[in-house]
Protein backbone atom coordinates (compact mmCIF):
# COMPACT_ATOMS: atom_id res chain seq x y z
CA MET A 1 0.06 0.10 -0.05
CA ARG A 2 2.76 2.43 0.82
CA SER A 3 4.57 1.68 -2.33
CA MET A 4 1.37 2.46 -4.33
CA ARG A 5 1.00 5.70 -2.48
CA LEU A 6 4.62 6.53 -3.34
CA TRP A 7 4.19 5.67 -6.82
CA GLY A 8 1.05 7.82 -7.07
CA GLU A 9 2.85 10.74 -5.52
CA ILE A 10 5.72 10.43 -8.05
CA MET A 11 3.17 10.38 -10.87
CA TRP A 12 1.42 13.50 -9.79
CA ARG A 13 4.65 15.41 -9.21
CA VAL A 14 5.59 14.43 -12.90
CA ILE A 15 2.20 15.52 -14.21
CA PHE A 16 2.13 18.92 -12.36
CA SER A 17 5.97 19.52 -13.03
CA THR A 18 5.24 19.08 -16.80
CA TYR A 19 2.20 21.25 -16.45
CA ARG A 20 4.27 24.01 -14.90
CA LYS A 21 7.04 23.76 -17.34
CA ASN A 22 4.84 24.00 -20.39
CA ARG A 23 2.60 26.62 -18.99
CA ILE A 24 5.57 28.88 -18.31
CA GLY A 25 7.02 28.16 -21.68
CA ILE A 26 3.80 29.25 -23.42
CA LEU A 27 3.17 32.29 -21.20
CA ARG A 28 6.73 33.61 -21.94
CA ALA A 29 7.17 32.64 -25.63
CA VAL A 30 3.74 32.55 -27.35
CA PRO A 31 1.08 33.87 -24.79
CA TRP A 32 -1.61 34.35 -27.20
CA SER A 33 -0.66 33.59 -30.85
CA PHE A 34 -1.57 29.87 -30.73
CA MET A 35 -4.68 30.43 -28.90
CA VAL A 36 -5.76 33.31 -31.20
CA SER A 37 -5.02 31.51 -34.40
CA ARG A 38 -7.00 28.47 -33.51
CA ILE A 39 -9.95 30.58 -32.20
CA ILE A 40 -9.85 32.45 -35.57
CA THR A 41 -9.93 29.24 -37.43
CA GLY A 42 -12.97 28.19 -35.52
CA VAL A 43 -14.75 31.30 -35.79
CA THR A 44 -13.96 31.53 -39.42
CA GLN A 45 -15.60 28.07 -39.91
CA ILE A 46 -18.78 29.49 -38.35
CA ILE A 47 -18.77 33.15 -39.96
CA PHE A 48 -18.44 31.94 -43.57
CA PRO A 49 -21.33 29.32 -43.31
CA TYR A 50 -23.54 31.81 -41.53
CA PHE A 51 -23.45 34.30 -44.46
CA MET A 52 -23.71 31.53 -46.91
CA TYR A 53 -26.66 30.34 -45.04
CA HIS A 54 -28.49 33.57 -44.64
CA TYR A 55 -27.77 34.90 -47.82
CA PHE A 56 -27.59 32.11 -50.22
CA ILE A 57 -29.02 28.69 -49.12
CA ARG A 58 -31.63 29.58 -46.41
CA GLY A 59 -34.86 27.78 -47.30
CA ASN A 60 -33.02 26.00 -50.12
CA LEU A 61 -31.56 23.00 -48.23
CA ASN A 62 -32.51 19.95 -50.06
CA SER A 63 -34.16 16.88 -48.58
CA GLU A 64 -30.78 15.00 -48.69
CA PHE A 65 -29.27 17.29 -45.89
CA HIS A 66 -32.22 16.99 -43.69
CA GLU A 67 -32.11 13.23 -44.11
CA TYR A 68 -28.38 13.07 -43.47
CA THR A 69 -28.57 15.21 -40.40
CA ASN A 70 -31.91 13.84 -39.09
CA GLY A 71 -33.42 17.30 -39.54
CA ALA A 72 -30.75 19.23 -37.63
CA ASP A 73 -30.79 23.11 -37.52
CA TYR A 74 -28.05 24.11 -40.05
CA MET A 75 -26.07 26.64 -37.92
CA THR A 76 -26.28 24.26 -34.67
CA TYR A 77 -24.75 21.55 -36.84
CA ILE A 78 -21.87 23.76 -38.18
CA VAL A 79 -21.09 25.19 -34.91
CA LEU A 80 -20.82 21.89 -32.98
CA GLY A 81 -18.46 20.43 -35.72
CA ALA A 82 -16.20 23.51 -35.79
CA ALA A 83 -15.86 23.79 -32.02
CA LEU A 84 -15.06 20.04 -31.62
CA ASN A 85 -12.57 20.41 -34.61
CA VAL A 86 -10.89 23.34 -32.61
CA LEU A 87 -10.48 21.09 -29.72
CA ALA A 88 -9.19 18.33 -31.90
CA VAL A 89 -6.57 20.52 -33.51
CA SER A 90 -5.58 21.95 -30.23
CA THR A 91 -4.94 18.55 -28.37
CA LEU A 92 -3.26 16.93 -31.45
CA MET A 93 -0.89 19.92 -31.94
CA ASN A 94 0.18 20.05 -28.42
CA ILE A 95 0.47 16.23 -27.69
CA GLY A 96 1.74 15.54 -31.09
CA ARG A 97 4.62 18.31 -30.76
CA ALA A 98 5.62 17.59 -27.37
CA LEU A 99 8.61 15.37 -27.93
CA ILE A 100 9.79 17.25 -31.17
CA THR A 101 9.62 20.61 -29.07
CA GLU A 102 11.97 18.91 -26.35
CA LEU A 103 14.17 17.58 -29.21
CA ARG A 104 14.45 21.30 -30.82
CA GLU A 105 14.94 22.90 -27.41
CA GLY A 106 17.81 20.48 -26.58
CA THR A 107 16.08 18.97 -23.64
CA LEU A 108 15.00 15.52 -25.24
CA GLU A 109 18.27 13.95 -24.08
CA THR A 110 17.75 14.95 -20.46
CA LEU A 111 14.11 13.79 -20.62
CA LEU A 112 15.18 10.38 -21.92
CA MET A 113 17.72 9.74 -19.27
CA THR A 114 15.30 10.47 -16.57
CA PRO A 115 13.56 7.58 -14.99
CA MET A 116 10.19 9.55 -14.93
CA SER A 117 7.07 7.85 -16.29
CA ARG A 118 6.36 8.76 -19.97
CA ALA A 119 2.77 8.27 -19.44
CA ALA A 120 2.76 10.94 -16.58
CA TYR A 121 4.71 13.25 -18.90
CA PHE A 122 2.04 13.13 -21.53
CA ALA A 123 -0.71 13.43 -18.93
CA GLY A 124 0.96 16.60 -17.87
CA CYS A 125 1.09 18.00 -21.48
CA LEU A 126 -2.61 16.96 -21.77
CA LEU A 127 -3.56 18.77 -18.43
CA GLU A 128 -1.86 22.04 -19.69
CA GLN A 129 -3.28 22.08 -23.13
CA THR A 130 -6.81 21.13 -22.00
CA THR A 131 -7.04 24.36 -20.02
CA ARG A 132 -6.26 26.23 -22.91
CA ALA A 133 -8.29 24.22 -25.46
CA LEU A 134 -11.45 24.56 -23.39
CA LEU A 135 -10.94 28.28 -23.47
CA GLU A 136 -10.83 28.19 -27.24
CA PHE A 137 -13.71 25.61 -27.40
CA GLY A 138 -15.84 27.94 -25.02
CA VAL A 139 -15.12 31.05 -27.26
CA VAL A 140 -16.15 29.29 -30.48
CA MET A 141 -19.27 28.08 -28.84
CA ALA A 142 -20.06 31.67 -27.69
CA VAL A 143 -19.59 33.03 -31.20
CA GLY A 144 -21.98 30.21 -32.47
CA ALA A 145 -24.57 30.89 -30.02
CA LEU A 146 -24.54 34.56 -31.13
CA ALA A 147 -24.80 33.22 -34.76
CA GLY A 148 -27.92 31.34 -33.83
CA ALA A 149 -26.77 27.91 -32.67
CA ASP A 150 -29.17 26.18 -30.18
CA LEU A 151 -26.84 25.10 -27.51
CA ARG A 152 -29.31 24.68 -24.57
CA TYR A 153 -28.14 20.97 -24.14
CA LEU A 154 -24.42 21.74 -24.33
CA PHE A 155 -23.91 21.40 -20.63
CA SER A 156 -25.83 18.21 -20.09
CA ALA A 157 -24.17 15.15 -18.84
CA PRO A 158 -24.29 13.24 -22.14
CA ALA A 159 -22.77 16.37 -23.91
CA ILE A 160 -19.90 16.64 -21.37
CA THR A 161 -19.10 12.89 -21.56
CA ALA A 162 -18.94 13.22 -25.26
CA VAL A 163 -16.41 16.08 -25.05
CA LEU A 164 -14.37 14.12 -22.52
CA LEU A 165 -14.48 10.94 -24.69
CA ALA A 166 -13.50 13.05 -27.57
CA VAL A 167 -10.38 14.68 -25.79
CA HIS A 168 -9.16 11.24 -24.76
CA SER A 169 -9.40 10.02 -28.31
CA PHE A 170 -7.54 13.09 -29.43
CA PHE A 171 -5.04 12.55 -26.83
CA CYS A 172 -4.34 8.84 -27.97
CA MET A 173 -4.08 9.94 -31.56
CA GLY A 174 -1.72 12.56 -30.54
CA ILE A 175 0.75 9.99 -29.09
CA THR A 176 0.81 8.33 -32.46
CA LEU A 177 1.39 11.82 -34.08
CA SER A 178 4.11 12.62 -31.67
CA ALA A 179 5.78 9.35 -32.65
CA VAL A 180 5.45 10.39 -36.38
CA MET A 181 6.83 13.75 -35.81
CA LEU A 182 9.78 12.46 -33.76
CA HIS A 183 10.67 9.86 -36.45
CA THR A 184 10.44 12.33 -39.46
CA ARG A 185 11.73 15.29 -37.56
CA ASP A 186 8.97 17.42 -39.14
CA THR A 187 5.88 19.20 -37.62
CA TYR A 188 4.23 21.42 -40.16
CA LEU A 189 3.94 19.19 -43.19
CA THR A 190 2.75 16.29 -41.00
CA GLN A 191 0.27 18.33 -38.75
CA ASN A 192 -1.05 20.28 -41.50
CA THR A 193 -1.76 17.31 -43.83
CA LEU A 194 -3.64 15.63 -40.97
CA PHE A 195 -5.58 18.54 -40.18
CA ILE A 196 -6.56 19.20 -43.72
CA ALA A 197 -7.45 15.64 -44.12
CA MET A 198 -9.68 15.70 -40.94
CA ASN A 199 -11.35 18.90 -42.14
CA LEU A 200 -12.43 17.36 -45.46
CA VAL A 201 -13.62 13.82 -44.41
CA CYS A 202 -14.70 14.10 -40.88
CA GLY A 203 -18.00 15.75 -41.33
CA ILE A 204 -17.19 18.94 -39.77
CA MET A 205 -18.82 21.35 -42.22
CA TYR A 206 -21.09 18.90 -44.11
CA PRO A 207 -22.26 15.27 -43.57
CA ILE A 208 -19.81 12.55 -44.71
CA GLN A 209 -22.58 11.10 -46.97
CA TYR A 210 -21.80 13.60 -49.50
CA LEU A 211 -18.34 12.17 -49.83
CA PRO A 212 -17.49 9.30 -52.23
CA ALA A 213 -17.83 5.90 -50.55
CA VAL A 214 -14.05 5.38 -50.33
CA LEU A 215 -13.63 8.73 -48.46
CA GLN A 216 -16.46 7.82 -46.08
CA ARG A 217 -14.86 4.66 -45.17
CA ALA A 218 -11.51 6.52 -44.85
CA ALA A 219 -13.14 9.04 -42.50
CA GLN A 220 -13.73 6.26 -40.02
CA ILE A 221 -9.95 5.86 -38.97
CA PHE A 222 -10.17 9.46 -37.47
CA PRO A 223 -11.74 9.65 -34.05
CA LEU A 224 -13.05 12.88 -34.92
CA THR A 225 -15.60 11.30 -37.11
CA PRO A 226 -17.47 9.18 -34.51
CA ALA A 227 -16.86 11.90 -31.90
CA VAL A 228 -18.41 14.78 -33.81
CA SER A 229 -21.36 12.62 -34.81
CA LEU A 230 -21.89 11.59 -30.84
CA PHE A 231 -21.73 15.28 -29.93
CA ARG A 232 -24.21 16.32 -32.44
CA ASN A 233 -26.48 13.44 -31.42
CA VAL A 234 -26.66 14.33 -27.86
CA VAL A 235 -26.83 18.09 -28.06
CA ILE A 236 -29.13 18.44 -31.19
CA GLU A 237 -31.16 15.39 -30.75
CA HIS A 238 -30.91 14.92 -27.05
CA GLN A 239 -30.15 11.34 -27.55
CA SER A 240 -28.88 9.15 -24.70
CA LEU A 241 -25.30 7.76 -24.50
CA LEU A 242 -26.72 4.45 -24.37
CA GLY A 243 -28.70 4.81 -27.60
CA ASN A 244 -24.88 5.74 -29.05
CA ALA A 245 -23.19 2.76 -27.87
CA GLY A 246 -21.89 2.00 -31.38
CA LEU A 247 -20.24 5.45 -31.71
CA ILE A 248 -18.79 5.34 -28.21
CA LEU A 249 -17.34 1.81 -28.91
CA GLN A 250 -15.83 3.03 -32.22
CA ILE A 251 -14.08 6.20 -30.19
CA VAL A 252 -12.76 3.66 -27.47
CA LEU A 253 -11.43 1.23 -29.93
CA LEU A 254 -9.68 3.71 -32.12
CA SER A 255 -8.27 5.51 -28.96
CA GLY A 256 -6.86 1.93 -27.99
CA VAL A 257 -5.37 1.40 -31.39
CA TYR A 258 -3.83 4.77 -31.81
CA LEU A 259 -2.38 4.54 -28.14
CA MET A 260 -0.88 1.16 -28.71
CA ILE A 261 0.68 2.15 -32.01
CA GLY A 262 2.29 5.37 -30.59
CA THR A 263 3.45 3.72 -27.40
CA VAL A 264 5.20 0.80 -29.29
CA TRP A 265 6.55 2.99 -31.88
CA TYR A 266 8.17 5.57 -29.29
CA LYS A 267 9.38 2.66 -27.22
CA ARG A 268 11.30 1.24 -30.30
CA MET A 269 12.61 4.66 -31.08
CA GLU A 270 13.88 5.53 -27.49
CA PRO A 271 16.95 3.22 -27.32
CA LYS A 272 18.10 4.72 -30.79
CA LEU A 273 17.67 8.21 -29.54
CA LEU A 274 19.59 7.39 -26.47
CA GLU A 275 22.30 5.85 -28.62
CA SER A 276 22.59 9.02 -30.63
CA VAL A 277 23.13 10.98 -27.37
CA PHE A 278 26.05 9.00 -26.17
CA GLY A 279 27.36 8.26 -29.86
């Protein structure tokens, strides 16, 4: 029992130390630029469809759109997708860039030689970025409410659970993204390709049923696809979590797969990274 308590204390120390280190770095280096850029991206994804809807397509949506969205209000549909996309981009960017940032700052060698838990390190990164990501998420939601989105059920237990499941899945995918970035020594091409692909196929701005069948199947490998569907179902249609067991199972399975791939890949790279330090 004592050893378990000691292990827990060490884990929390690593988590909060990582949180403090990352928060201090963000506040001193880029206090607002990352947050503002992602907020602008999310707001843009709302404003453009807002003007298009009110000046071009209002009253002209065909029956297919209502069928694919189960009669959802257009602005609410867009706002929920844009807000969750901001959360996905924020989580993936911060978790994915964690180790490559350590490498560029010259602190990766020190990190690798410490006996600290790697899981606790990434948990600390998640804790720090989530506090900022939720602020960005909230700003986008507030703008969406001003644009006419119906967000009355946003603070219901199913909606909050859907967001937490989404963040967990983005975190697990971020572990794999971190391994990819560390392997390729690249951030911008990797992350931008991923984010563009997610925007195109995950049903952020339109139902994925409009896409070719092959792209609809490809969309299912991204956790954002079932996560945004679940989020919309519980907020717009007030569905229960039990009624969306299939989507929840898909999110959990994808999270497990990405976590396993990222963990195994990183463990295989770590000895080579250590060899490069002493070589």
